[in-house]
Amino acid sequence: MQPLGRFFQVTETLDVKKYFLDIDKIERYPISFVIKSEASIADLKAQLKRGAEKQYGVKAVVDKYMACIEEVINIEVLQERFRKAVKDGHLKGIIAEIVLQSKVEFNYEDEE
């Protein structure tokens, strides 16, 4: 069964075990990682691959996990996308979505 949308995982770490555990949880469906880092996308992917090679040592296993990483998004990419969204007039909608998702995360309901 294939999900209807994309999977995202937000993290501050480059711990390969955590990344691959997330991939395993969703049965190796492609996942995008948002990494709180100013390192380049190429550097982040290279660090992940080196960590995977160190962890697993089997090229086929490493390749299979790396193929599940749909996209790596760093701080620079987030800032670019946010500026474009604001320029395109989506700021109100973005803020409303952040508020909604925060309420869901913290199980908060308005008492209106």
PDB file of N, CA and C in Angstrom:
ATOM      1  N   MET A   1       0.852  -1.172   0.000  1.00  0.00           N
ATOM      2  CA  MET A   1       0.000   0.000   0.000  1.00  0.00           C
ATOM      3  C   MET A   1       0.899   1.236   0.000  1.00  0.00           C
ATOM      4  N   GLN A   2       0.588   2.205  -0.846  1.00  0.00           N
ATOM      5  CA  GLN A   2       1.403   3.398  -0.984  1.00  0.00           C
ATOM      6  C   GLN A   2       0.697   4.592  -0.347  1.00  0.00           C
ATOM      7  N   PRO A   3       1.410   5.395   0.460  1.00  0.00           N
ATOM      8  CA  PRO A   3       0.812   6.585   1.077  1.00  0.00           C
ATOM      9  C   PRO A   3       0.363   7.596   0.018  1.00  0.00           C
ATOM     10  N   LEU A   4      -0.563   8.454   0.399  1.00  0.00           N
ATOM     11  CA  LEU A   4      -1.089   9.452  -0.532  1.00  0.00           C
ATOM     12  C   LEU A   4      -0.180  10.677  -0.656  1.00  0.00           C
ATOM     13  N   GLY A   5       0.645  10.926   0.333  1.00  0.00           N
ATOM     14  CA  GLY A   5       1.507  12.106   0.307  1.00  0.00           C
ATOM     15  C   GLY A   5       2.951  11.745   0.549  1.00  0.00           C
ATOM     16  N   ARG A   6       3.707  12.731   0.990  1.00  0.00           N
ATOM     17  CA  ARG A   6       5.121  12.525   1.271  1.00  0.00           C
ATOM     18  C   ARG A   6       5.337  12.377   2.768  1.00  0.00           C
ATOM     19  N   PHE A   7       6.384  11.672   3.132  1.00  0.00           N
ATOM     20  CA  PHE A   7       6.805  11.569   4.522  1.00  0.00           C
ATOM     21  C   PHE A   7       7.970  12.518   4.742  1.00  0.00           C
ATOM     22  N   PHE A   8       7.906  13.242   5.872  1.00  0.00           N
ATOM     23  CA  PHE A   8       8.998  14.125   6.266  1.00  0.00           C
ATOM     24  C   PHE A   8       9.412  13.773   7.686  1.00  0.00           C
ATOM     25  N   GLN A   9      10.689  13.845   7.960  1.00  0.00           N
ATOM     26  CA  GLN A   9      11.199  13.698   9.308  1.00  0.00           C
ATOM     27  C   GLN A   9      12.135  14.866   9.552  1.00  0.00           C
ATOM     28  N   VAL A  10      11.921  15.557  10.659  1.00  0.00           N
ATOM     29  CA  VAL A  10      12.734  16.714  11.003  1.00  0.00           C
ATOM     30  C   VAL A  10      13.704  16.287  12.086  1.00  0.00           C
ATOM     31  N   THR A  11      14.974  16.638  11.910  1.00  0.00           N
ATOM     32  CA  THR A  11      15.994  16.195  12.854  1.00  0.00           C
ATOM     33  C   THR A  11      17.144  17.191  12.935  1.00  0.00           C
ATOM     34  N   GLU A  12      17.892  17.092  14.011  1.00  0.00           N
ATOM     35  CA  GLU A  12      19.097  17.906  14.185  1.00  0.00           C
ATOM     36  C   GLU A  12      20.353  17.046  14.135  1.00  0.00           C
ATOM     37  N   THR A  13      20.189  15.765  13.948  1.00  0.00           N
ATOM     38  CA  THR A  13      21.303  14.826  14.034  1.00  0.00           C
ATOM     39  C   THR A  13      21.575  14.155  12.692  1.00  0.00           C
ATOM     40  N   LEU A  14      22.764  13.613  12.578  1.00  0.00           N
ATOM     41  CA  LEU A  14      23.106  12.805  11.402  1.00  0.00           C
ATOM     42  C   LEU A  14      23.348  11.358  11.823  1.00  0.00           C
ATOM     43  N   ASP A  15      22.672  10.936  12.883  1.00  0.00           N
ATOM     44  CA  ASP A  15      22.778   9.565  13.384  1.00  0.00           C
ATOM     45  C   ASP A  15      22.083   8.622  12.406  1.00  0.00           C
ATOM     46  N   VAL A  16      22.867   7.852  11.691  1.00  0.00           N
ATOM     47  CA  VAL A  16      22.363   6.959  10.651  1.00  0.00           C
ATOM     48  C   VAL A  16      21.333   5.978  11.204  1.00  0.00           C
ATOM     49  N   LYS A  17      21.544   5.485  12.408  1.00  0.00           N
ATOM     50  CA  LYS A  17      20.602   4.533  13.005  1.00  0.00           C
ATOM     51  C   LYS A  17      19.203   5.136  13.075  1.00  0.00           C
ATOM     52  N   LYS A  18      19.121   6.405  13.463  1.00  0.00           N
ATOM     53  CA  LYS A  18      17.824   7.073  13.566  1.00  0.00           C
ATOM     54  C   LYS A  18      17.167   7.203  12.189  1.00  0.00           C
ATOM     55  N   TYR A  19      17.937   7.596  11.203  1.00  0.00           N
ATOM     56  CA  TYR A  19      17.402   7.768   9.851  1.00  0.00           C
ATOM     57  C   TYR A  19      16.854   6.445   9.316  1.00  0.00           C
ATOM     58  N   PHE A  20      17.651   5.398   9.466  1.00  0.00           N
ATOM     59  CA  PHE A  20      17.253   4.116   8.893  1.00  0.00           C
ATOM     60  C   PHE A  20      16.139   3.461   9.698  1.00  0.00           C
ATOM     61  N   LEU A  21      16.049   3.757  10.983  1.00  0.00           N
ATOM     62  CA  LEU A  21      14.912   3.291  11.773  1.00  0.00           C
ATOM     63  C   LEU A  21      13.633   3.940  11.250  1.00  0.00           C
ATOM     64  N   ASP A  22      13.706   5.253  10.943  1.00  0.00           N
ATOM     65  CA  ASP A  22      12.544   5.943  10.380  1.00  0.00           C
ATOM     66  C   ASP A  22      12.157   5.339   9.034  1.00  0.00           C
ATOM     67  N   ILE A  23      13.150   5.014   8.220  1.00  0.00           N
ATOM     68  CA  ILE A  23      12.883   4.392   6.917  1.00  0.00           C
ATOM     69  C   ILE A  23      12.229   3.026   7.112  1.00  0.00           C
ATOM     70  N   ASP A  24      12.726   2.251   8.052  1.00  0.00           N
ATOM     71  CA  ASP A  24      12.140   0.934   8.325  1.00  0.00           C
ATOM     72  C   ASP A  24      10.699   1.054   8.820  1.00  0.00           C
ATOM     73  N   LYS A  25      10.424   2.065   9.640  1.00  0.00           N
ATOM     74  CA  LYS A  25       9.074   2.250  10.195  1.00  0.00           C
ATOM     75  C   LYS A  25       8.032   2.437   9.100  1.00  0.00           C
ATOM     76  N   ILE A  26       8.434   3.074   8.024  1.00  0.00           N
ATOM     77  CA  ILE A  26       7.468   3.313   6.935  1.00  0.00           C
ATOM     78  C   ILE A  26       7.697   2.340   5.780  1.00  0.00           C
ATOM     79  N   GLU A  27       8.305   1.215   6.114  1.00  0.00           N
ATOM     80  CA  GLU A  27       8.497   0.111   5.174  1.00  0.00           C
ATOM     81  C   GLU A  27       9.229   0.531   3.905  1.00  0.00           C
ATOM     82  N   ARG A  28      10.222   1.325   4.084  1.00  0.00           N
ATOM     83  CA  ARG A  28      11.133   1.768   3.028  1.00  0.00           C
ATOM     84  C   ARG A  28      10.473   2.585   1.915  1.00  0.00           C
ATOM     85  N   TYR A  29       9.354   3.209   2.251  1.00  0.00           N
ATOM     86  CA  TYR A  29       8.774   4.175   1.320  1.00  0.00           C
ATOM     87  C   TYR A  29       9.661   5.426   1.360  1.00  0.00           C
ATOM     88  N   PRO A  30       9.840   6.123   0.249  1.00  0.00           N
ATOM     89  CA  PRO A  30      10.715   7.299   0.245  1.00  0.00           C
ATOM     90  C   PRO A  30      10.325   8.329   1.315  1.00  0.00           C
ATOM     91  N   ILE A  31      11.340   8.890   1.942  1.00  0.00           N
ATOM     92  CA  ILE A  31      11.154   9.855   3.015  1.00  0.00           C
ATOM     93  C   ILE A  31      12.097  11.028   2.791  1.00  0.00           C
ATOM     94  N   SER A  32      11.631  12.215   3.139  1.00  0.00           N
ATOM     95  CA  SER A  32      12.459  13.414   3.048  1.00  0.00           C
ATOM     96  C   SER A  32      12.891  13.801   4.453  1.00  0.00           C
ATOM     97  N   PHE A  33      14.159  14.143   4.608  1.00  0.00           N
ATOM     98  CA  PHE A  33      14.681  14.548   5.903  1.00  0.00           C
ATOM     99  C   PHE A  33      14.961  16.041   5.894  1.00  0.00           C
ATOM    100  N   VAL A  34      14.388  16.733   6.871  1.00  0.00           N
ATOM    101  CA  VAL A  34      14.659  18.148   7.081  1.00  0.00           C
ATOM    102  C   VAL A  34      15.687  18.191   8.200  1.00  0.00           C
ATOM    103  N   ILE A  35      16.886  18.640   7.867  1.00  0.00           N
ATOM    104  CA  ILE A  35      17.995  18.598   8.816  1.00  0.00           C
ATOM    105  C   ILE A  35      18.373  20.014   9.234  1.00  0.00           C
ATOM    106  N   LYS A  36      18.346  20.244  10.527  1.00  0.00           N
ATOM    107  CA  LYS A  36      18.706  21.555  11.065  1.00  0.00           C
ATOM    108  C   LYS A  36      20.225  21.707  10.953  1.00  0.00           C
ATOM    109  N   SER A  37      20.656  22.122   9.774  1.00  0.00           N
ATOM    110  CA  SER A  37      22.083  22.264   9.496  1.00  0.00           C
ATOM    111  C   SER A  37      22.291  23.282   8.388  1.00  0.00           C
ATOM    112  N   GLU A  38      23.401  23.972   8.469  1.00  0.00           N
ATOM    113  CA  GLU A  38      23.764  24.899   7.405  1.00  0.00           C
ATOM    114  C   GLU A  38      24.730  24.258   6.411  1.00  0.00           C
ATOM    115  N   ALA A  39      25.090  23.003   6.637  1.00  0.00           N
ATOM    116  CA  ALA A  39      25.938  22.278   5.690  1.00  0.00           C
ATOM    117  C   ALA A  39      25.177  22.114   4.373  1.00  0.00           C
ATOM    118  N   SER A  40      25.911  21.964   3.287  1.00  0.00           N
ATOM    119  CA  SER A  40      25.266  21.805   1.979  1.00  0.00           C
ATOM    120  C   SER A  40      24.545  20.456   1.909  1.00  0.00           C
ATOM    121  N   ILE A  41      23.592  20.370   1.001  1.00  0.00           N
ATOM    122  CA  ILE A  41      22.852  19.120   0.784  1.00  0.00           C
ATOM    123  C   ILE A  41      23.827  17.997   0.410  1.00  0.00           C
ATOM    124  N   ALA A  42      24.757  18.298  -0.476  1.00  0.00           N
ATOM    125  CA  ALA A  42      25.739  17.289  -0.915  1.00  0.00           C
ATOM    126  C   ALA A  42      26.558  16.787   0.274  1.00  0.00           C
ATOM    127  N   ASP A  43      26.990  17.704   1.148  1.00  0.00           N
ATOM    128  CA  ASP A  43      27.766  17.302   2.327  1.00  0.00           C
ATOM    129  C   ASP A  43      26.927  16.452   3.275  1.00  0.00           C
ATOM    130  N   LEU A  44      25.674  16.825   3.479  1.00  0.00           N
ATOM    131  CA  LEU A  44      24.798  16.063   4.369  1.00  0.00           C
ATOM    132  C   LEU A  44      24.574  14.650   3.846  1.00  0.00           C
ATOM    133  N   LYS A  45      24.315  14.543   2.539  1.00  0.00           N
ATOM    134  CA  LYS A  45      24.121  13.210   1.942  1.00  0.00           C
ATOM    135  C   LYS A  45      25.395  12.371   2.041  1.00  0.00           C
ATOM    136  N   ALA A  46      26.535  13.010   1.812  1.00  0.00           N
ATOM    137  CA  ALA A  46      27.806  12.293   1.894  1.00  0.00           C
ATOM    138  C   ALA A  46      28.062  11.803   3.319  1.00  0.00           C
ATOM    139  N   GLN A  47      27.737  12.630   4.316  1.00  0.00           N
ATOM    140  CA  GLN A  47      27.906  12.226   5.709  1.00  0.00           C
ATOM    141  C   GLN A  47      26.992  11.053   6.049  1.00  0.00           C
ATOM    142  N   LEU A  48      25.758  11.111   5.553  1.00  0.00           N
ATOM    143  CA  LEU A  48      24.834  10.000   5.784  1.00  0.00           C
ATOM    144  C   LEU A  48      25.352   8.714   5.150  1.00  0.00           C
ATOM    145  N   LYS A  49      25.840   8.827   3.937  1.00  0.00           N
ATOM    146  CA  LYS A  49      26.337   7.632   3.244  1.00  0.00           C
ATOM    147  C   LYS A  49      27.553   7.054   3.958  1.00  0.00           C
ATOM    148  N   ARG A  50      28.474   7.909   4.392  1.00  0.00           N
ATOM    149  CA  ARG A  50      29.647   7.424   5.135  1.00  0.00           C
ATOM    150  C   ARG A  50      29.220   6.729   6.424  1.00  0.00           C
ATOM    151  N   GLY A  51      28.248   7.319   7.117  1.00  0.00           N
ATOM    152  CA  GLY A  51      27.740   6.696   8.341  1.00  0.00           C
ATOM    153  C   GLY A  51      27.087   5.358   8.060  1.00  0.00           C
ATOM    154  N   ALA A  52      26.358   5.270   6.951  1.00  0.00           N
ATOM    155  CA  ALA A  52      25.700   4.016   6.570  1.00  0.00           C
ATOM    156  C   ALA A  52      26.737   2.949   6.225  1.00  0.00           C
ATOM    157  N   GLU A  53      27.765   3.354   5.507  1.00  0.00           N
ATOM    158  CA  GLU A  53      28.820   2.398   5.142  1.00  0.00           C
ATOM    159  C   GLU A  53      29.544   1.881   6.381  1.00  0.00           C
ATOM    160  N   LYS A  54      29.746   2.769   7.333  1.00  0.00           N
ATOM    161  CA  LYS A  54      30.400   2.368   8.585  1.00  0.00           C
ATOM    162  C   LYS A  54      29.493   1.436   9.390  1.00  0.00           C
ATOM    163  N   GLN A  55      28.196   1.746   9.407  1.00  0.00           N
ATOM    164  CA  GLN A  55      27.231   0.977  10.187  1.00  0.00           C
ATOM    165  C   GLN A  55      26.965  -0.406   9.590  1.00  0.00           C
ATOM    166  N   TYR A  56      26.785  -0.453   8.276  1.00  0.00           N
ATOM    167  CA  TYR A  56      26.338  -1.693   7.637  1.00  0.00           C
ATOM    168  C   TYR A  56      27.424  -2.424   6.866  1.00  0.00           C
ATOM    169  N   GLY A  57      28.308  -1.711   6.198  1.00  0.00           N
ATOM    170  CA  GLY A  57      29.407  -2.343   5.495  1.00  0.00           C
ATOM    171  C   GLY A  57      29.057  -3.096   4.219  1.00  0.00           C
ATOM    172  N   VAL A  58      27.782  -3.388   3.990  1.00  0.00           N
ATOM    173  CA  VAL A  58      27.359  -4.119   2.798  1.00  0.00           C
ATOM    174  C   VAL A  58      26.781  -3.105   1.805  1.00  0.00           C
ATOM    175  N   LYS A  59      27.434  -2.979   0.656  1.00  0.00           N
ATOM    176  CA  LYS A  59      27.051  -1.962  -0.326  1.00  0.00           C
ATOM    177  C   LYS A  59      25.568  -2.048  -0.714  1.00  0.00           C
ATOM    178  N   ALA A  60      25.064  -3.243  -0.922  1.00  0.00           N
ATOM    179  CA  ALA A  60      23.661  -3.413  -1.333  1.00  0.00           C
ATOM    180  C   ALA A  60      22.704  -2.877  -0.265  1.00  0.00           C
ATOM    181  N   VAL A  61      23.018  -3.092   0.998  1.00  0.00           N
ATOM    182  CA  VAL A  61      22.176  -2.601   2.092  1.00  0.00           C
ATOM    183  C   VAL A  61      22.245  -1.074   2.149  1.00  0.00           C
ATOM    184  N   VAL A  62      23.455  -0.548   2.068  1.00  0.00           N
ATOM    185  CA  VAL A  62      23.646   0.909   2.081  1.00  0.00           C
ATOM    186  C   VAL A  62      22.893   1.544   0.923  1.00  0.00           C
ATOM    187  N   ASP A  63      23.036   1.001  -0.258  1.00  0.00           N
ATOM    188  CA  ASP A  63      22.373   1.547  -1.448  1.00  0.00           C
ATOM    189  C   ASP A  63      20.853   1.514  -1.305  1.00  0.00           C
ATOM    190  N   LYS A  64      20.335   0.432  -0.727  1.00  0.00           N
ATOM    191  CA  LYS A  64      18.891   0.300  -0.562  1.00  0.00           C
ATOM    192  C   LYS A  64      18.346   1.375   0.386  1.00  0.00           C
ATOM    193  N   TYR A  65      19.036   1.589   1.498  1.00  0.00           N
ATOM    194  CA  TYR A  65      18.613   2.625   2.436  1.00  0.00           C
ATOM    195  C   TYR A  65      18.768   4.023   1.826  1.00  0.00           C
ATOM    196  N   MET A  66      19.894   4.275   1.188  1.00  0.00           N
ATOM    197  CA  MET A  66      20.122   5.604   0.603  1.00  0.00           C
ATOM    198  C   MET A  66      19.094   5.914  -0.474  1.00  0.00           C
ATOM    199  N   ALA A  67      18.650   4.907  -1.201  1.00  0.00           N
ATOM    200  CA  ALA A  67      17.639   5.114  -2.243  1.00  0.00           C
ATOM    201  C   ALA A  67      16.295   5.521  -1.652  1.00  0.00           C
ATOM    202  N   CYS A  68      16.086   5.235  -0.382  1.00  0.00           N
ATOM    203  CA  CYS A  68      14.823   5.599   0.273  1.00  0.00           C
ATOM    204  C   CYS A  68      14.784   7.065   0.689  1.00  0.00           C
ATOM    205  N   ILE A  69      15.918   7.748   0.631  1.00  0.00           N
ATOM    206  CA  ILE A  69      15.960   9.164   0.996  1.00  0.00           C
ATOM    207  C   ILE A  69      15.540   9.969  -0.228  1.00  0.00           C
ATOM    208  N   GLU A  70      14.298  10.431  -0.190  1.00  0.00           N
ATOM    209  CA  GLU A  70      13.738  11.157  -1.334  1.00  0.00           C
ATOM    210  C   GLU A  70      14.395  12.522  -1.500  1.00  0.00           C
ATOM    211  N   GLU A  71      14.576  13.208  -0.380  1.00  0.00           N
ATOM    212  CA  GLU A  71      15.125  14.565  -0.433  1.00  0.00           C
ATOM    213  C   GLU A  71      15.741  14.890   0.915  1.00  0.00           C
ATOM    214  N   VAL A  72      16.819  15.666   0.880  1.00  0.00           N
ATOM    215  CA  VAL A  72      17.407  16.220   2.094  1.00  0.00           C
ATOM    216  C   VAL A  72      17.215  17.723   1.997  1.00  0.00           C
ATOM    217  N   ILE A  73      16.648  18.289   3.040  1.00  0.00           N
ATOM    218  CA  ILE A  73      16.349  19.719   3.080  1.00  0.00           C
ATOM    219  C   ILE A  73      17.128  20.316   4.240  1.00  0.00           C
ATOM    220  N   ASN A  74      17.914  21.352   3.960  1.00  0.00           N
ATOM    221  CA  ASN A  74      18.678  22.010   5.014  1.00  0.00           C
ATOM    222  C   ASN A  74      18.071  23.384   5.320  1.00  0.00           C
ATOM    223  N   ILE A  75      18.697  24.131   6.209  1.00  0.00           N
ATOM    224  CA  ILE A  75      18.178  25.447   6.610  1.00  0.00           C
ATOM    225  C   ILE A  75      18.088  26.391   5.412  1.00  0.00           C
ATOM    226  N   GLU A  76      19.101  26.373   4.563  1.00  0.00           N
ATOM    227  CA  GLU A  76      19.103  27.253   3.389  1.00  0.00           C
ATOM    228  C   GLU A  76      17.883  26.999   2.494  1.00  0.00           C
ATOM    229  N   VAL A  77      17.581  25.746   2.238  1.00  0.00           N
ATOM    230  CA  VAL A  77      16.432  25.388   1.398  1.00  0.00           C
ATOM    231  C   VAL A  77      15.133  25.832   2.076  1.00  0.00           C
ATOM    232  N   LEU A  78      15.019  25.606   3.381  1.00  0.00           N
ATOM    233  CA  LEU A  78      13.816  26.047   4.109  1.00  0.00           C
ATOM    234  C   LEU A  78      13.625  27.557   3.994  1.00  0.00           C
ATOM    235  N   GLN A  79      14.709  28.302   4.147  1.00  0.00           N
ATOM    236  CA  GLN A  79      14.615  29.755   4.050  1.00  0.00           C
ATOM    237  C   GLN A  79      14.203  30.201   2.647  1.00  0.00           C
ATOM    238  N   GLU A  80      14.771  29.572   1.631  1.00  0.00           N
ATOM    239  CA  GLU A  80      14.402  29.893   0.242  1.00  0.00           C
ATOM    240  C   GLU A  80      12.911  29.646   0.007  1.00  0.00           C
ATOM    241  N   ARG A  81      12.448  28.481   0.441  1.00  0.00           N
ATOM    242  CA  ARG A  81      11.039  28.127   0.231  1.00  0.00           C
ATOM    243  C   ARG A  81      10.109  29.035   1.011  1.00  0.00           C
ATOM    244  N   PHE A  82      10.519  29.418   2.213  1.00  0.00           N
ATOM    245  CA  PHE A  82       9.693  30.316   3.013  1.00  0.00           C
ATOM    246  C   PHE A  82       9.603  31.692   2.348  1.00  0.00           C
ATOM    247  N   ARG A  83      10.737  32.224   1.902  1.00  0.00           N
ATOM    248  CA  ARG A  83      10.719  33.534   1.232  1.00  0.00           C
ATOM    249  C   ARG A  83       9.832  33.504  -0.014  1.00  0.00           C
ATOM    250  N   LYS A  84       9.912  32.431  -0.778  1.00  0.00           N
ATOM    251  CA  LYS A  84       9.076  32.315  -1.976  1.00  0.00           C
ATOM    252  C   LYS A  84       7.598  32.245  -1.602  1.00  0.00           C
ATOM    253  N   ALA A  85       7.276  31.472  -0.575  1.00  0.00           N
ATOM    254  CA  ALA A  85       5.884  31.346  -0.141  1.00  0.00           C
ATOM    255  C   ALA A  85       5.336  32.693   0.327  1.00  0.00           C
ATOM    256  N   VAL A  86       6.138  33.448   1.055  1.00  0.00           N
ATOM    257  CA  VAL A  86       5.717  34.783   1.512  1.00  0.00           C
ATOM    258  C   VAL A  86       5.514  35.689   0.303  1.00  0.00           C
ATOM    259  N   LYS A  87       6.457  35.658  -0.622  1.00  0.00           N
ATOM    260  CA  LYS A  87       6.356  36.468  -1.846  1.00  0.00           C
ATOM    261  C   LYS A  87       5.093  36.129  -2.639  1.00  0.00           C
ATOM    262  N   ASP A  88       4.727  34.837  -2.628  1.00  0.00           N
ATOM    263  CA  ASP A  88       3.539  34.384  -3.351  1.00  0.00           C
ATOM    264  C   ASP A  88       2.238  34.598  -2.578  1.00  0.00           C
ATOM    265  N   GLY A  89       2.327  35.237  -1.398  1.00  0.00           N
ATOM    266  CA  GLY A  89       1.130  35.588  -0.637  1.00  0.00           C
ATOM    267  C   GLY A  89       0.580  34.494   0.268  1.00  0.00           C
ATOM    268  N   HIS A  90       1.414  33.561   0.693  1.00  0.00           N
ATOM    269  CA  HIS A  90       0.936  32.432   1.496  1.00  0.00           C
ATOM    270  C   HIS A  90       1.230  32.551   2.993  1.00  0.00           C
ATOM    271  N   LEU A  91       1.729  33.697   3.453  1.00  0.00           N
ATOM    272  CA  LEU A  91       2.132  33.823   4.847  1.00  0.00           C
ATOM    273  C   LEU A  91       0.983  33.543   5.816  1.00  0.00           C
ATOM    274  N   LYS A  92      -0.196  34.092   5.552  1.00  0.00           N
ATOM    275  CA  LYS A  92      -1.341  33.865   6.447  1.00  0.00           C
ATOM    276  C   LYS A  92      -1.675  32.382   6.559  1.00  0.00           C
ATOM    277  N   GLY A  93      -1.681  31.688   5.448  1.00  0.00           N
ATOM    278  CA  GLY A  93      -1.976  30.265   5.440  1.00  0.00           C
ATOM    279  C   GLY A  93      -0.911  29.455   6.162  1.00  0.00           C
ATOM    280  N   ILE A  94       0.345  29.855   6.007  1.00  0.00           N
ATOM    281  CA  ILE A  94       1.439  29.162   6.683  1.00  0.00           C
ATOM    282  C   ILE A  94       1.295  29.309   8.192  1.00  0.00           C
ATOM    283  N   ILE A  95       1.033  30.521   8.640  1.00  0.00           N
ATOM    284  CA  ILE A  95       0.883  30.753  10.083  1.00  0.00           C
ATOM    285  C   ILE A  95      -0.318  29.988  10.621  1.00  0.00           C
ATOM    286  N   ALA A  96      -1.413  29.981   9.892  1.00  0.00           N
ATOM    287  CA  ALA A  96      -2.601  29.233  10.322  1.00  0.00           C
ATOM    288  C   ALA A  96      -2.287  27.741  10.434  1.00  0.00           C
ATOM    289  N   GLU A  97      -1.536  27.212   9.495  1.00  0.00           N
ATOM    290  CA  GLU A  97      -1.175  25.787   9.533  1.00  0.00           C
ATOM    291  C   GLU A  97      -0.243  25.479  10.699  1.00  0.00           C
ATOM    292  N   ILE A  98       0.700  26.373  10.982  1.00  0.00           N
ATOM    293  CA  ILE A  98       1.601  26.186  12.125  1.00  0.00           C
ATOM    294  C   ILE A  98       0.803  26.168  13.427  1.00  0.00           C
ATOM    295  N   VAL A  99      -0.139  27.090  13.557  1.00  0.00           N
ATOM    296  CA  VAL A  99      -0.980  27.134  14.761  1.00  0.00           C
ATOM    297  C   VAL A  99      -1.792  25.847  14.874  1.00  0.00           C
ATOM    298  N   LEU A 100      -2.411  25.421  13.789  1.00  0.00           N
ATOM    299  CA  LEU A 100      -3.219  24.198  13.794  1.00  0.00           C
ATOM    300  C   LEU A 100      -2.382  22.978  14.185  1.00  0.00           C
ATOM    301  N   GLN A 101      -1.226  22.813  13.546  1.00  0.00           N
ATOM    302  CA  GLN A 101      -0.380  21.659  13.836  1.00  0.00           C
ATOM    303  C   GLN A 101       0.158  21.697  15.267  1.00  0.00           C
ATOM    304  N   SER A 102       0.423  22.888  15.787  1.00  0.00           N
ATOM    305  CA  SER A 102       0.874  23.015  17.176  1.00  0.00           C
ATOM    306  C   SER A 102      -0.228  22.598  18.134  1.00  0.00           C
ATOM    307  N   LYS A 103      -1.461  22.970  17.826  1.00  0.00           N
ATOM    308  CA  LYS A 103      -2.591  22.568  18.667  1.00  0.00           C
ATOM    309  C   LYS A 103      -2.755  21.057  18.660  1.00  0.00           C
ATOM    310  N   VAL A 104      -2.594  20.447  17.502  1.00  0.00           N
ATOM    311  CA  VAL A 104      -2.705  18.993  17.400  1.00  0.00           C
ATOM    312  C   VAL A 104      -1.584  18.335  18.212  1.00  0.00           C
ATOM    313  N   GLU A 105      -0.367  18.838  18.032  1.00  0.00           N
ATOM    314  CA  GLU A 105       0.784  18.241  18.712  1.00  0.00           C
ATOM    315  C   GLU A 105       0.646  18.309  20.231  1.00  0.00           C
ATOM    316  N   PHE A 106       0.105  19.426  20.723  1.00  0.00           N
ATOM    317  CA  PHE A 106       0.000  19.614  22.172  1.00  0.00           C
ATOM    318  C   PHE A 106      -1.395  19.297  22.709  1.00  0.00           C
ATOM    319  N   ASN A 107      -2.239  18.699  21.849  1.00  0.00           N
ATOM    320  CA  ASN A 107      -3.589  18.304  22.256  1.00  0.00           C
ATOM    321  C   ASN A 107      -4.351  19.474  22.887  1.00  0.00           C
ATOM    322  N   TYR A 108      -4.318  20.599  22.203  1.00  0.00           N
ATOM    323  CA  TYR A 108      -4.950  21.826  22.692  1.00  0.00           C
ATOM    324  C   TYR A 108      -6.242  22.073  21.931  1.00  0.00           C
ATOM    325  N   GLU A 109      -7.306  22.381  22.660  1.00  0.00           N
ATOM    326  CA  GLU A 109      -8.567  22.740  22.022  1.00  0.00           C
ATOM    327  C   GLU A 109      -9.018  24.089  22.520  1.00  0.00           C
ATOM    328  N   ASP A 110      -9.486  24.924  21.572  1.00  0.00           N
ATOM    329  CA  ASP A 110     -10.032  26.231  21.956  1.00  0.00           C
ATOM    330  C   ASP A 110     -11.282  26.009  22.793  1.00  0.00           C
ATOM    331  N   GLU A 111     -11.503  26.892  23.739  1.00  0.00           N
ATOM    332  CA  GLU A 111     -12.695  26.769  24.595  1.00  0.00           C
ATOM    333  C   GLU A 111     -13.801  27.691  24.114  1.00  0.00           C
ATOM    334  N   GLU A 112     -13.867  27.916  22.815  1.00  0.00           N
ATOM    335  CA  GLU A 112     -14.897  28.798  22.241  1.00  0.00           C
ATOM    336  C   GLU A 112     -16.214  28.089  22.098  1.00  0.00           C
TER     337      GLU A 112
END
